[in-house]
C-alpha atoms as a PDB file:
ATOM      1  CA  MET A   1      10.570   8.573  27.091  1.00  0.00           C
ATOM      2  CA  THR A   2       8.300  10.266  24.555  1.00  0.00           C
ATOM      3  CA  HIS A   3       4.641  10.296  25.646  1.00  0.00           C
ATOM      4  CA  LEU A   4       3.226  12.661  23.034  1.00  0.00           C
ATOM      5  CA  LEU A   5       4.163  12.402  19.366  1.00  0.00           C
ATOM      6  CA  THR A   6       3.381  15.261  16.974  1.00  0.00           C
ATOM      7  CA  MET A   7       4.389  15.084  13.320  1.00  0.00           C
ATOM      8  CA  THR A   8       3.550  16.420   9.887  1.00  0.00           C
ATOM      9  CA  ALA A   9       0.312  14.978   8.529  1.00  0.00           C
ATOM     10  CA  PRO A  10       1.206  11.733   6.736  1.00  0.00           C
ATOM     11  CA  ASP A  11       0.245  10.124   3.433  1.00  0.00           C
ATOM     12  CA  ASP A  12      -0.824   6.517   2.930  1.00  0.00           C
ATOM     13  CA  LEU A  13       0.770   5.662  -0.379  1.00  0.00           C
ATOM     14  CA  HIS A  14      -1.011   2.350  -0.950  1.00  0.00           C
ATOM     15  CA  VAL A  15      -4.690   1.860  -0.100  1.00  0.00           C
ATOM     16  CA  HIS A  16      -7.613  -0.201  -1.333  1.00  0.00           C
ATOM     17  CA  LEU A  17     -10.810   1.770  -0.835  1.00  0.00           C
ATOM     18  CA  ARG A  18     -13.034  -0.638  -2.784  1.00  0.00           C
ATOM     19  CA  ASP A  19     -16.345   0.782  -4.054  1.00  0.00           C
ATOM     20  CA  ASP A  20     -20.044   1.135  -3.244  1.00  0.00           C
ATOM     21  CA  GLU A  21     -21.086   0.444   0.365  1.00  0.00           C
ATOM     22  CA  MET A  22     -17.696  -0.934   1.421  1.00  0.00           C
ATOM     23  CA  MET A  23     -16.006   2.230   0.152  1.00  0.00           C
ATOM     24  CA  LYS A  24     -18.423   4.431   2.073  1.00  0.00           C
ATOM     25  CA  MET A  25     -17.585   2.512   5.241  1.00  0.00           C
ATOM     26  CA  VAL A  26     -13.773   2.471   4.963  1.00  0.00           C
ATOM     27  CA  VAL A  27     -12.936   5.878   3.431  1.00  0.00           C
ATOM     28  CA  PRO A  28     -13.522   7.779   6.716  1.00  0.00           C
ATOM     29  CA  ALA A  29     -10.931   5.642   8.523  1.00  0.00           C
ATOM     30  CA  THR A  30      -8.149   6.466   6.049  1.00  0.00           C
ATOM     31  CA  ALA A  31      -9.225  10.119   5.797  1.00  0.00           C
ATOM     32  CA  ARG A  32      -9.166  10.411   9.594  1.00  0.00           C
ATOM     33  CA  GLN A  33      -5.418   9.752   9.846  1.00  0.00           C
ATOM     34  CA  PHE A  34      -3.992  10.614   6.409  1.00  0.00           C
ATOM     35  CA  ALA A  35      -4.113  13.808   4.356  1.00  0.00           C
ATOM     36  CA  ARG A  36      -3.656  11.953   1.048  1.00  0.00           C
ATOM     37  CA  ALA A  37      -3.634   8.405  -0.238  1.00  0.00           C
ATOM     38  CA  ILE A  38      -2.565   6.590  -3.392  1.00  0.00           C
ATOM     39  CA  VAL A  39      -5.691   4.642  -4.351  1.00  0.00           C
ATOM     40  CA  MET A  40      -5.356   1.245  -6.029  1.00  0.00           C
ATOM     41  CA  PRO A  41      -7.338   0.647  -9.243  1.00  0.00           C
ATOM     42  CA  ASN A  42      -8.224  -3.050  -8.917  1.00  0.00           C
ATOM     43  CA  LEU A  43     -11.978  -2.676  -8.912  1.00  0.00           C
ATOM     44  CA  LYS A  44     -14.231  -4.894 -10.944  1.00  0.00           C
ATOM     45  CA  PRO A  45     -14.084  -3.770 -13.708  1.00  0.00           C
ATOM     46  CA  PRO A  46     -10.619  -2.252 -13.178  1.00  0.00           C
ATOM     47  CA  VAL A  47      -9.855   1.456 -13.483  1.00  0.00           C
ATOM     48  CA  THR A  48      -7.997   1.412 -16.802  1.00  0.00           C
ATOM     49  CA  THR A  49      -8.740   4.898 -18.151  1.00  0.00           C
ATOM     50  CA  THR A  50      -8.442   8.470 -16.979  1.00  0.00           C
ATOM     51  CA  ALA A  51     -12.195   8.892 -17.364  1.00  0.00           C
ATOM     52  CA  ALA A  52     -12.832   5.916 -15.071  1.00  0.00           C
ATOM     53  CA  ALA A  53     -10.322   7.288 -12.542  1.00  0.00           C
ATOM     54  CA  ARG A  54     -12.130  10.636 -12.570  1.00  0.00           C
ATOM     55  CA  ALA A  55     -15.461   8.966 -11.860  1.00  0.00           C
ATOM     56  CA  TYR A  56     -13.981   6.788  -9.100  1.00  0.00           C
ATOM     57  CA  ARG A  57     -12.314   9.804  -7.532  1.00  0.00           C
ATOM     58  CA  ALA A  58     -15.663  11.609  -7.414  1.00  0.00           C
ATOM     59  CA  ARG A  59     -17.250   8.666  -5.577  1.00  0.00           C
ATOM     60  CA  ILE A  60     -14.409   8.638  -3.038  1.00  0.00           C
ATOM     61  CA  VAL A  61     -14.687  12.376  -2.408  1.00  0.00           C
ATOM     62  CA  GLN A  62     -18.405  11.966  -1.728  1.00  0.00           C
ATOM     63  CA  ALA A  63     -17.570   9.390   0.961  1.00  0.00           C
ATOM     64  CA  VAL A  64     -15.168  11.701   2.853  1.00  0.00           C
ATOM     65  CA  PRO A  65     -16.829  13.048   6.022  1.00  0.00           C
ATOM     66  CA  ALA A  66     -17.795  16.712   5.978  1.00  0.00           C
ATOM     67  CA  GLY A  67     -15.035  18.979   7.235  1.00  0.00           C
ATOM     68  CA  VAL A  68     -12.235  16.435   6.695  1.00  0.00           C
ATOM     69  CA  ALA A  69      -9.447  17.420   4.284  1.00  0.00           C
ATOM     70  CA  PHE A  70      -8.455  14.359   2.276  1.00  0.00           C
ATOM     71  CA  GLU A  71      -7.112  14.044  -1.264  1.00  0.00           C
ATOM     72  CA  PRO A  72      -7.360  10.735  -3.143  1.00  0.00           C
ATOM     73  CA  LEU A  73      -4.417  10.315  -5.510  1.00  0.00           C
ATOM     74  CA  MET A  74      -5.632   8.112  -8.346  1.00  0.00           C
ATOM     75  CA  THR A  75      -3.933   5.350 -10.317  1.00  0.00           C
ATOM     76  CA  LEU A  76      -4.588   3.433 -13.521  1.00  0.00           C
ATOM     77  CA  TYR A  77      -4.560  -0.334 -13.881  1.00  0.00           C
ATOM     78  CA  LEU A  78      -1.913  -1.362 -16.410  1.00  0.00           C
ATOM     79  CA  THR A  79      -3.037  -3.841 -19.071  1.00  0.00           C
ATOM     80  CA  PRO A  80      -1.496  -4.994 -22.360  1.00  0.00           C
ATOM     81  CA  GLN A  81      -3.908  -2.565 -24.049  1.00  0.00           C
ATOM     82  CA  THR A  82      -2.810   0.546 -22.122  1.00  0.00           C
ATOM     83  CA  SER A  83      -1.782   3.050 -24.797  1.00  0.00           C
ATOM     84  CA  ALA A  84       0.747   5.846 -24.811  1.00  0.00           C
ATOM     85  CA  GLY A  85      -2.144   8.207 -25.461  1.00  0.00           C
ATOM     86  CA  GLU A  86      -3.910   7.085 -22.275  1.00  0.00           C
ATOM     87  CA  ILE A  87      -0.714   7.574 -20.288  1.00  0.00           C
ATOM     88  CA  GLU A  88      -0.370  11.100 -21.636  1.00  0.00           C
ATOM     89  CA  ALA A  89      -4.009  11.856 -20.794  1.00  0.00           C
ATOM     90  CA  ALA A  90      -3.489  10.530 -17.276  1.00  0.00           C
ATOM     91  CA  ARG A  91      -0.478  12.764 -16.761  1.00  0.00           C
ATOM     92  CA  ARG A  92      -2.353  15.826 -18.021  1.00  0.00           C
ATOM     93  CA  SER A  93      -5.284  15.122 -15.708  1.00  0.00           C
ATOM     94  CA  GLY A  94      -3.547  16.303 -12.562  1.00  0.00           C
ATOM     95  CA  PHE A  95      -5.309  13.658 -10.455  1.00  0.00           C
ATOM     96  CA  VAL A  96      -3.747  10.428 -11.779  1.00  0.00           C
ATOM     97  CA  HIS A  97      -0.396  10.013 -10.048  1.00  0.00           C
ATOM     98  CA  ALA A  98       0.776   6.514 -11.017  1.00  0.00           C
ATOM     99  CA  VAL A  99       0.025   3.314 -12.934  1.00  0.00           C
ATOM    100  CA  LYS A 100      -0.229  -0.084 -11.213  1.00  0.00           C
ATOM    101  CA  TYR A 101       1.312  -3.281 -12.584  1.00  0.00           C
ATOM    102  CA  TYR A 102      -0.492  -6.435 -11.459  1.00  0.00           C
ATOM    103  CA  PRO A 103       0.833  -9.788 -12.686  1.00  0.00           C
ATOM    104  CA  ALA A 104      -2.258 -11.647 -13.887  1.00  0.00           C
ATOM    105  CA  GLY A 105      -3.665 -13.773 -11.063  1.00  0.00           C
ATOM    106  CA  ALA A 106      -1.426 -12.336  -8.356  1.00  0.00           C
ATOM    107  CA  THR A 107      -4.071 -10.863  -6.055  1.00  0.00           C
ATOM    108  CA  THR A 108      -7.636  -9.558  -5.750  1.00  0.00           C
ATOM    109  CA  HIS A 109      -9.179  -8.639  -9.116  1.00  0.00           C
ATOM    110  CA  SER A 110      -5.913  -9.092 -11.016  1.00  0.00           C
ATOM    111  CA  GLU A 111      -7.408 -11.193 -13.809  1.00  0.00           C
ATOM    112  CA  ALA A 112      -6.917  -8.357 -16.314  1.00  0.00           C
ATOM    113  CA  GLY A 113      -3.272  -7.922 -15.339  1.00  0.00           C
ATOM    114  CA  VAL A 114      -0.049  -8.476 -17.209  1.00  0.00           C
ATOM    115  CA  THR A 115       0.976 -11.896 -18.509  1.00  0.00           C
ATOM    116  CA  SER A 116       4.192 -10.744 -20.213  1.00  0.00           C
ATOM    117  CA  VAL A 117       6.162  -7.638 -19.296  1.00  0.00           C
ATOM    118  CA  GLU A 118       7.056  -7.039 -22.945  1.00  0.00           C
ATOM    119  CA  GLN A 119       3.388  -6.262 -23.600  1.00  0.00           C
ATOM    120  CA  THR A 120       3.714  -3.165 -21.430  1.00  0.00           C
ATOM    121  CA  PHE A 121       6.824  -1.633 -22.985  1.00  0.00           C
ATOM    122  CA  PRO A 122       4.975   1.035 -25.054  1.00  0.00           C
ATOM    123  CA  ALA A 123       3.125   2.212 -21.947  1.00  0.00           C
ATOM    124  CA  LEU A 124       6.272   2.122 -19.790  1.00  0.00           C
ATOM    125  CA  GLU A 125       8.169   4.153 -22.375  1.00  0.00           C
ATOM    126  CA  ALA A 126       5.400   6.751 -22.333  1.00  0.00           C
ATOM    127  CA  MET A 127       5.394   6.792 -18.521  1.00  0.00           C
ATOM    128  CA  GLN A 128       9.134   7.358 -18.491  1.00  0.00           C
ATOM    129  CA  ARG A 129       8.751  10.187 -20.984  1.00  0.00           C
ATOM    130  CA  VAL A 130       5.971  12.046 -19.132  1.00  0.00           C
ATOM    131  CA  GLY A 131       7.146  11.264 -15.593  1.00  0.00           C
ATOM    132  CA  LEU A 132       4.323   9.012 -14.369  1.00  0.00           C
ATOM    133  CA  PRO A 133       5.508   6.457 -11.776  1.00  0.00           C
ATOM    134  CA  LEU A 134       5.023   2.699 -12.079  1.00  0.00           C
ATOM    135  CA  LEU A 135       3.793   0.786  -9.025  1.00  0.00           C
ATOM    136  CA  VAL A 136       4.466  -2.947  -9.074  1.00  0.00           C
ATOM    137  CA  HIS A 137       2.872  -5.833  -7.236  1.00  0.00           C
ATOM    138  CA  GLY A 138       6.085  -7.803  -7.156  1.00  0.00           C
ATOM    139  CA  GLU A 139       5.214 -11.460  -7.517  1.00  0.00           C
ATOM    140  CA  ALA A 140       6.143 -13.916 -10.264  1.00  0.00           C
ATOM    141  CA  MET A 141       3.137 -16.111 -11.012  1.00  0.00           C
ATOM    142  CA  ALA A 142       4.707 -19.043 -12.876  1.00  0.00           C
ATOM    143  CA  PRO A 143       3.225 -22.283 -11.475  1.00  0.00           C
ATOM    144  CA  ASP A 144       6.651 -23.684 -10.617  1.00  0.00           C
ATOM    145  CA  VAL A 145       7.521 -20.722  -8.332  1.00  0.00           C
ATOM    146  CA  ASP A 146       6.838 -21.369  -4.644  1.00  0.00           C
ATOM    147  CA  VAL A 147       4.420 -18.844  -3.097  1.00  0.00           C
ATOM    148  CA  PHE A 148       7.092 -17.782  -0.587  1.00  0.00           C
ATOM    149  CA  ASP A 149       9.598 -17.179  -3.412  1.00  0.00           C
ATOM    150  CA  ARG A 150       7.370 -15.184  -5.762  1.00  0.00           C
ATOM    151  CA  GLU A 151       8.707 -11.789  -4.737  1.00  0.00           C
ATOM    152  CA  GLN A 152      12.350 -12.762  -5.148  1.00  0.00           C
ATOM    153  CA  ALA A 153      11.631 -14.314  -8.548  1.00  0.00           C
ATOM    154  CA  PHE A 154       9.837 -11.156  -9.719  1.00  0.00           C
ATOM    155  CA  VAL A 155      12.640  -8.913  -8.475  1.00  0.00           C
ATOM    156  CA  ASP A 156      15.328 -10.950 -10.211  1.00  0.00           C
ATOM    157  CA  THR A 157      13.516 -11.211 -13.547  1.00  0.00           C
ATOM    158  CA  THR A 158      10.723  -8.754 -14.316  1.00  0.00           C
ATOM    159  CA  LEU A 159      11.701  -5.887 -12.023  1.00  0.00           C
ATOM    160  CA  ALA A 160      15.377  -6.038 -12.928  1.00  0.00           C
ATOM    161  CA  GLN A 161      14.401  -5.956 -16.607  1.00  0.00           C
ATOM    162  CA  ILE A 162      12.114  -2.939 -16.169  1.00  0.00           C
ATOM    163  CA  VAL A 163      14.683  -0.960 -14.195  1.00  0.00           C
ATOM    164  CA  ARG A 164      17.423  -1.760 -16.693  1.00  0.00           C
ATOM    165  CA  ARG A 165      15.353  -0.985 -19.807  1.00  0.00           C
ATOM    166  CA  PHE A 166      13.695   2.186 -18.438  1.00  0.00           C
ATOM    167  CA  PRO A 167      16.293   3.891 -16.236  1.00  0.00           C
ATOM    168  CA  GLY A 168      14.360   7.163 -16.125  1.00  0.00           C
ATOM    169  CA  LEU A 169      11.116   5.544 -14.939  1.00  0.00           C
ATOM    170  CA  LYS A 170      10.166   5.992 -11.306  1.00  0.00           C
ATOM    171  CA  VAL A 171       9.263   2.602  -9.818  1.00  0.00           C
ATOM    172  CA  VAL A 172       7.695   1.811  -6.445  1.00  0.00           C
ATOM    173  CA  VAL A 173       7.996  -1.792  -5.285  1.00  0.00           C
ATOM    174  CA  GLU A 174       4.760  -2.036  -3.345  1.00  0.00           C
ATOM    175  CA  HIS A 175       4.469  -3.808   0.007  1.00  0.00           C
ATOM    176  CA  VAL A 176       7.983  -5.322  -0.015  1.00  0.00           C
ATOM    177  CA  THR A 177       8.127  -8.486   2.081  1.00  0.00           C
ATOM    178  CA  THR A 178      11.664  -9.874   1.802  1.00  0.00           C
ATOM    179  CA  ALA A 179      15.226  -8.946   2.663  1.00  0.00           C
ATOM    180  CA  HIS A 180      16.016  -9.673  -0.988  1.00  0.00           C
ATOM    181  CA  ALA A 181      13.629  -6.968  -2.238  1.00  0.00           C
ATOM    182  CA  VAL A 182      14.893  -4.517   0.380  1.00  0.00           C
ATOM    183  CA  ASP A 183      18.457  -5.076  -0.811  1.00  0.00           C
ATOM    184  CA  PHE A 184      17.404  -4.566  -4.437  1.00  0.00           C
ATOM    185  CA  VAL A 185      15.673  -1.270  -3.665  1.00  0.00           C
ATOM    186  CA  ARG A 186      18.508  -0.043  -1.491  1.00  0.00           C
ATOM    187  CA  SER A 187      21.131  -0.728  -4.175  1.00  0.00           C
ATOM    188  CA  ALA A 188      19.067   0.526  -7.152  1.00  0.00           C
ATOM    189  CA  ALA A 189      19.059   4.047  -8.536  1.00  0.00           C
ATOM    190  CA  ALA A 190      17.223   6.847  -6.739  1.00  0.00           C
ATOM    191  CA  SER A 191      14.283   6.284  -9.101  1.00  0.00           C
ATOM    192  CA  VAL A 192      13.407   3.010  -7.308  1.00  0.00           C
ATOM    193  CA  ALA A 193      11.589   3.074  -3.952  1.00  0.00           C
ATOM    194  CA  ALA A 194       9.320   0.855  -1.864  1.00  0.00           C
ATOM    195  CA  THR A 195       6.337   0.930   0.464  1.00  0.00           C
ATOM    196  CA  ILE A 196       6.180  -1.106   3.676  1.00  0.00           C
ATOM    197  CA  THR A 197       2.988  -2.244   5.419  1.00  0.00           C
ATOM    198  CA  PRO A 198       2.246  -2.507   9.154  1.00  0.00           C
ATOM    199  CA  GLN A 199       1.510  -6.226   8.889  1.00  0.00           C
ATOM    200  CA  HIS A 200       4.884  -7.020   7.350  1.00  0.00           C
ATOM    201  CA  LEU A 201       6.584  -5.020  10.108  1.00  0.00           C
ATOM    202  CA  ARG A 202       4.593  -6.814  12.812  1.00  0.00           C
ATOM    203  CA  TYR A 203       4.174 -10.420  11.677  1.00  0.00           C
ATOM    204  CA  ASN A 204       6.190 -13.239  10.199  1.00  0.00           C
ATOM    205  CA  ARG A 205       4.614 -16.250   8.495  1.00  0.00           C
ATOM    206  CA  ASN A 206       4.148 -18.083  11.794  1.00  0.00           C
ATOM    207  CA  ALA A 207       1.252 -15.690  12.427  1.00  0.00           C
ATOM    208  CA  LEU A 208      -0.737 -17.491   9.738  1.00  0.00           C
ATOM    209  CA  PHE A 209      -0.779 -20.709  11.757  1.00  0.00           C
ATOM    210  CA  GLN A 210      -0.907 -19.770  15.453  1.00  0.00           C
ATOM    211  CA  GLY A 211      -3.389 -22.202  16.978  1.00  0.00           C
ATOM    212  CA  GLY A 212      -4.869 -22.948  13.567  1.00  0.00           C
ATOM    213  CA  ILE A 213      -5.351 -21.158  10.245  1.00  0.00           C
ATOM    214  CA  ARG A 214      -5.655 -17.397  10.790  1.00  0.00           C
ATOM    215  CA  PRO A 215      -7.502 -15.997   7.749  1.00  0.00           C
ATOM    216  CA  HIS A 216      -7.258 -12.410   8.954  1.00  0.00           C
ATOM    217  CA  HIS A 217      -3.446 -12.636   8.770  1.00  0.00           C
ATOM    218  CA  TYR A 218      -3.578 -13.761   5.150  1.00  0.00           C
ATOM    219  CA  CYS A 219      -2.463 -11.167   2.616  1.00  0.00           C
ATOM    220  CA  LEU A 220      -0.592 -11.079  -0.682  1.00  0.00           C
ATOM    221  CA  PRO A 221       2.322 -11.010  -0.908  1.00  0.00           C
ATOM    222  CA  VAL A 222       2.109 -13.525   1.906  1.00  0.00           C
ATOM    223  CA  LEU A 223       3.970 -12.995   5.191  1.00  0.00           C
ATOM    224  CA  LYS A 224       7.557 -14.201   5.099  1.00  0.00           C
ATOM    225  CA  ARG A 225      10.303 -15.425   7.457  1.00  0.00           C
ATOM    226  CA  GLU A 226      11.409 -13.683  10.644  1.00  0.00           C
ATOM    227  CA  ARG A 227      14.680 -12.590   9.038  1.00  0.00           C
ATOM    228  CA  ASP A 228      12.635 -10.858   6.337  1.00  0.00           C
ATOM    229  CA  ARG A 229      10.486  -9.080   8.906  1.00  0.00           C
ATOM    230  CA  GLU A 230      13.621  -7.884  10.660  1.00  0.00           C
ATOM    231  CA  ALA A 231      15.021  -6.580   7.367  1.00  0.00           C
ATOM    232  CA  LEU A 232      11.806  -4.630   6.758  1.00  0.00           C
ATOM    233  CA  VAL A 233      11.930  -3.065  10.225  1.00  0.00           C
ATOM    234  CA  GLN A 234      15.545  -2.060   9.630  1.00  0.00           C
ATOM    235  CA  ALA A 235      14.696  -0.531   6.245  1.00  0.00           C
ATOM    236  CA  ALA A 236      11.654   1.366   7.500  1.00  0.00           C
ATOM    237  CA  THR A 237      13.436   2.786  10.541  1.00  0.00           C
ATOM    238  CA  SER A 238      16.788   3.445   8.839  1.00  0.00           C
ATOM    239  CA  GLY A 239      15.991   6.938   7.615  1.00  0.00           C
ATOM    240  CA  ASN A 240      16.626   5.875   4.017  1.00  0.00           C
ATOM    241  CA  PRO A 241      14.303   8.038   1.855  1.00  0.00           C
ATOM    242  CA  LYS A 242      13.672   5.134  -0.539  1.00  0.00           C
ATOM    243  CA  PHE A 243      11.271   3.546   1.971  1.00  0.00           C
ATOM    244  CA  PHE A 244       7.920   5.027   2.940  1.00  0.00           C
ATOM    245  CA  LEU A 245       4.497   4.280   4.365  1.00  0.00           C
ATOM    246  CA  GLY A 246       1.927   2.327   2.383  1.00  0.00           C
ATOM    247  CA  THR A 247      -0.515   0.323   4.472  1.00  0.00           C
ATOM    248  CA  ASP A 248      -1.991  -1.805   1.669  1.00  0.00           C
ATOM    249  CA  THR A 249      -5.136  -1.677   3.807  1.00  0.00           C
ATOM    250  CA  ALA A 250      -7.437  -4.081   1.987  1.00  0.00           C
ATOM    251  CA  PRO A 251     -10.902  -4.638   3.462  1.00  0.00           C
ATOM    252  CA  HIS A 252     -12.808  -7.831   2.749  1.00  0.00           C
ATOM    253  CA  ALA A 253     -16.131  -8.725   4.308  1.00  0.00           C
ATOM    254  CA  ARG A 254     -15.713 -11.122   7.222  1.00  0.00           C
ATOM    255  CA  HIS A 255     -17.641 -13.910   5.513  1.00  0.00           C
ATOM    256  CA  THR A 256     -15.284 -13.777   2.508  1.00  0.00           C
ATOM    257  CA  LYS A 257     -12.210 -14.066   4.739  1.00  0.00           C
ATOM    258  CA  GLU A 258     -13.566 -16.809   6.989  1.00  0.00           C
ATOM    259  CA  ALA A 259     -14.378 -19.099   4.076  1.00  0.00           C
ATOM    260  CA  ALA A 260     -13.201 -22.307   2.425  1.00  0.00           C
ATOM    261  CA  CYS A 261     -11.280 -20.153  -0.056  1.00  0.00           C
ATOM    262  CA  GLY A 262     -10.668 -16.958   1.862  1.00  0.00           C
ATOM    263  CA  CYS A 263      -9.727 -13.615   0.297  1.00  0.00           C
ATOM    264  CA  ALA A 264      -6.258 -12.123   0.728  1.00  0.00           C
ATOM    265  CA  GLY A 265      -5.998  -8.758   2.435  1.00  0.00           C
ATOM    266  CA  ILE A 266      -5.560  -7.147   5.851  1.00  0.00           C
ATOM    267  CA  TYR A 267      -7.614  -4.127   6.884  1.00  0.00           C
ATOM    268  CA  SER A 268      -5.374  -1.805   8.912  1.00  0.00           C
ATOM    269  CA  ALA A 269      -6.864   1.648   8.304  1.00  0.00           C
ATOM    270  CA  GLU A 270      -8.671   1.836  11.665  1.00  0.00           C
ATOM    271  CA  ASN A 271      -5.376   2.069  13.630  1.00  0.00           C
ATOM    272  CA  ALA A 272      -2.657   2.410  11.013  1.00  0.00           C
ATOM    273  CA  LEU A 273      -0.563   5.115  12.644  1.00  0.00           C
ATOM    274  CA  GLU A 274      -0.730   3.419  16.038  1.00  0.00           C
ATOM    275  CA  LEU A 275       0.598   0.219  14.451  1.00  0.00           C
ATOM    276  CA  TYR A 276       3.488   2.027  12.777  1.00  0.00           C
ATOM    277  CA  ALA A 277       4.252   3.962  15.983  1.00  0.00           C
ATOM    278  CA  GLU A 278       4.521   0.673  17.886  1.00  0.00           C
ATOM    279  CA  ALA A 279       6.930  -0.745  15.310  1.00  0.00           C
ATOM    280  CA  PHE A 280       9.161   2.335  15.308  1.00  0.00           C
ATOM    281  CA  ASP A 281       8.989   2.628  19.104  1.00  0.00           C
ATOM    282  CA  ALA A 282      10.065  -1.004  19.518  1.00  0.00           C
ATOM    283  CA  ALA A 283      13.027  -0.312  17.226  1.00  0.00           C
ATOM    284  CA  GLY A 284      14.016   2.813  19.184  1.00  0.00           C
ATOM    285  CA  ALA A 285      13.350   4.966  16.124  1.00  0.00           C
ATOM    286  CA  LEU A 286      10.291   7.125  16.902  1.00  0.00           C
ATOM    287  CA  ASP A 287      12.271  10.151  15.738  1.00  0.00           C
ATOM    288  CA  ARG A 288      12.345   8.645  12.217  1.00  0.00           C
ATOM    289  CA  LEU A 289       8.625   7.899  11.882  1.00  0.00           C
ATOM    290  CA  GLU A 290       7.791  11.372  10.549  1.00  0.00           C
ATOM    291  CA  ALA A 291      10.169  11.053   7.590  1.00  0.00           C
ATOM    292  CA  PHE A 292       8.874   7.566   6.782  1.00  0.00           C
ATOM    293  CA  ALA A 293       5.218   8.583   7.035  1.00  0.00           C
ATOM    294  CA  SER A 294       5.185  12.194   5.895  1.00  0.00           C
ATOM    295  CA  PHE A 295       8.295  13.153   3.912  1.00  0.00           C
ATOM    296  CA  ASN A 296       9.847  10.304   1.934  1.00  0.00           C
ATOM    297  CA  GLY A 297       6.812   9.370  -0.134  1.00  0.00           C
ATOM    298  CA  ALA A 298       5.728  12.923  -0.832  1.00  0.00           C
ATOM    299  CA  ASP A 299       9.239  13.796  -1.973  1.00  0.00           C
ATOM    300  CA  PHE A 300       9.453  10.723  -4.231  1.00  0.00           C
ATOM    301  CA  TYR A 301       6.145  11.535  -5.908  1.00  0.00           C
ATOM    302  CA  GLY A 302       7.057  15.208  -6.254  1.00  0.00           C
ATOM    303  CA  LEU A 303       4.228  16.324  -3.983  1.00  0.00           C
ATOM    304  CA  PRO A 304       4.378  19.171  -1.470  1.00  0.00           C
ATOM    305  CA  ARG A 305       4.640  18.025   2.105  1.00  0.00           C
ATOM    306  CA  ASN A 306       1.340  18.341   3.954  1.00  0.00           C
ATOM    307  CA  PRO A 307       0.866  21.522   6.013  1.00  0.00           C
ATOM    308  CA  GLY A 308      -1.054  20.018   8.940  1.00  0.00           C
ATOM    309  CA  LYS A 309      -0.078  17.899  11.931  1.00  0.00           C
ATOM    310  CA  VAL A 310      -1.176  14.665  13.590  1.00  0.00           C
ATOM    311  CA  HIS A 311      -0.920  13.835  17.273  1.00  0.00           C
ATOM    312  CA  LEU A 312      -0.481  10.477  19.023  1.00  0.00           C
ATOM    313  CA  ALA A 313      -0.126   9.676  22.719  1.00  0.00           C
ATOM    314  CA  ARG A 314       1.565   6.787  24.452  1.00  0.00           C
ATOM    315  CA  GLU A 315      -1.561   5.338  26.023  1.00  0.00           C
ATOM    316  CA  ALA A 316      -3.496   2.155  25.509  1.00  0.00           C
ATOM    317  CA  THR A 317      -6.116   1.958  22.791  1.00  0.00           C
ATOM    318  CA  ARG A 318      -8.302  -1.045  22.093  1.00  0.00           C
ATOM    319  CA  VAL A 319      -8.831  -2.159  18.513  1.00  0.00           C
ATOM    320  CA  ALA A 320     -12.443  -2.870  17.628  1.00  0.00           C
ATOM    321  CA  ASP A 321     -13.482  -6.500  17.185  1.00  0.00           C
ATOM    322  CA  ARG A 322     -15.488  -5.623  14.076  1.00  0.00           C
ATOM    323  CA  VAL A 323     -16.338  -2.609  11.958  1.00  0.00           C
ATOM    324  CA  GLY A 324     -19.355  -2.379   9.699  1.00  0.00           C
ATOM    325  CA  GLU A 325     -22.130  -4.931   9.701  1.00  0.00           C
ATOM    326  CA  GLY A 326     -23.882  -7.455   7.524  1.00  0.00           C
ATOM    327  CA  ASP A 327     -22.344  -7.849   4.081  1.00  0.00           C
ATOM    328  CA  ILE A 328     -19.657  -5.262   4.858  1.00  0.00           C
ATOM    329  CA  GLU A 329     -18.642  -6.412   8.334  1.00  0.00           C
ATOM    330  CA  VAL A 330     -14.817  -6.336   8.437  1.00  0.00           C
ATOM    331  CA  VAL A 331     -12.328  -7.639  11.016  1.00  0.00           C
ATOM    332  CA  PRO A 332      -9.525  -5.070  11.439  1.00  0.00           C
ATOM    333  CA  MET A 333      -5.873  -5.858  11.993  1.00  0.00           C
ATOM    334  CA  GLU A 334      -5.198  -6.729  15.655  1.00  0.00           C
ATOM    335  CA  ALA A 335      -8.948  -6.948  16.330  1.00  0.00           C
ATOM    336  CA  GLY A 336      -9.776  -6.971  20.027  1.00  0.00           C
ATOM    337  CA  SER A 337      -6.206  -6.322  21.159  1.00  0.00           C
ATOM    338  CA  SER A 338      -4.676  -3.348  22.939  1.00  0.00           C
ATOM    339  CA  LEU A 339      -2.115  -1.103  21.256  1.00  0.00           C
ATOM    340  CA  ALA A 340       0.366   1.057  23.157  1.00  0.00           C
ATOM    341  CA  TRP A 341      -0.321   4.228  21.161  1.00  0.00           C
ATOM    342  CA  ARG A 342      -3.507   6.233  20.627  1.00  0.00           C
ATOM    343  CA  PHE A 343      -4.250   8.497  17.659  1.00  0.00           C
ATOM    344  CA  LEU A 344      -5.506  11.817  19.032  1.00  0.00           C
ATOM    345  CA  GLY A 345      -6.361  13.647  15.836  1.00  0.00           C
ATOM    346  CA  ARG A 346      -5.244  15.562  12.762  1.00  0.00           C
ATOM    347  CA  GLU A 347      -5.208  19.310  12.308  1.00  0.00           C
END
């Protein structure tokens, strides 16, 4: 039985670092475990231009603790107004690595998102031409689509249309939650990949209702059925290079989660690698965690693999009940519980 796990320093290819005081609080947690991270652009106002991404990147870098090597990989927020010229500028920048597609109303700060995929075709054509990946929040938002069916509806309509019309465009289906989406990614061309979160590996939708409403298990896309969770575990641990680590860590202040209309998002950055190690260990696939966390995503994005290492030990670690305080007090994933793995450090 493996008691010490050493692997190439990983990347978190889907994070929400927020801004201002919340950003200053959560950036150190991601930078502690990951060498790089793809940073989501859904601020308020959203990061829609290369200039805004540059300014946001500078604020993130200032929040990284002294002596910690961490590179934020920036993204733009796709809107109907995103021009081919902006896409070209983003590609030339060297620090913008993707563009994020939010269906309008799908999640936090998605009001400026896309209402019709056809509106984005000029930008998608430019992205295909210059080699800038598209990241999709895969949920169809038509009022007649059940919340548990939104991902499947998006995959079958919008995503299928994008992949068919732009075969040279790299597409990442973010935070896949269903067996249906896994099957789509697996059968699509090599240009289509997906990220998988720790919460969707660990929980099914029953977790939302254990003993009452559990607001800290509420995220979007929402947790799905047990058969979907099992399909995600199989995909993540299969060794298939199309699947890679993206936590979708999404901090919300405790008082905005524990509310009459609570925010969607799970904050996992405090113990992300321990959570993934538990999932892979339970599946008998610890030997495949390094590829999932450190190789597959870097290779898909065309990035060099990180030179450093991280170390974990098979020993109990307790997750904090709370992090931060006051208006930025956050409840982390698995708060107050004990995990079987402990993160020892990154070199």
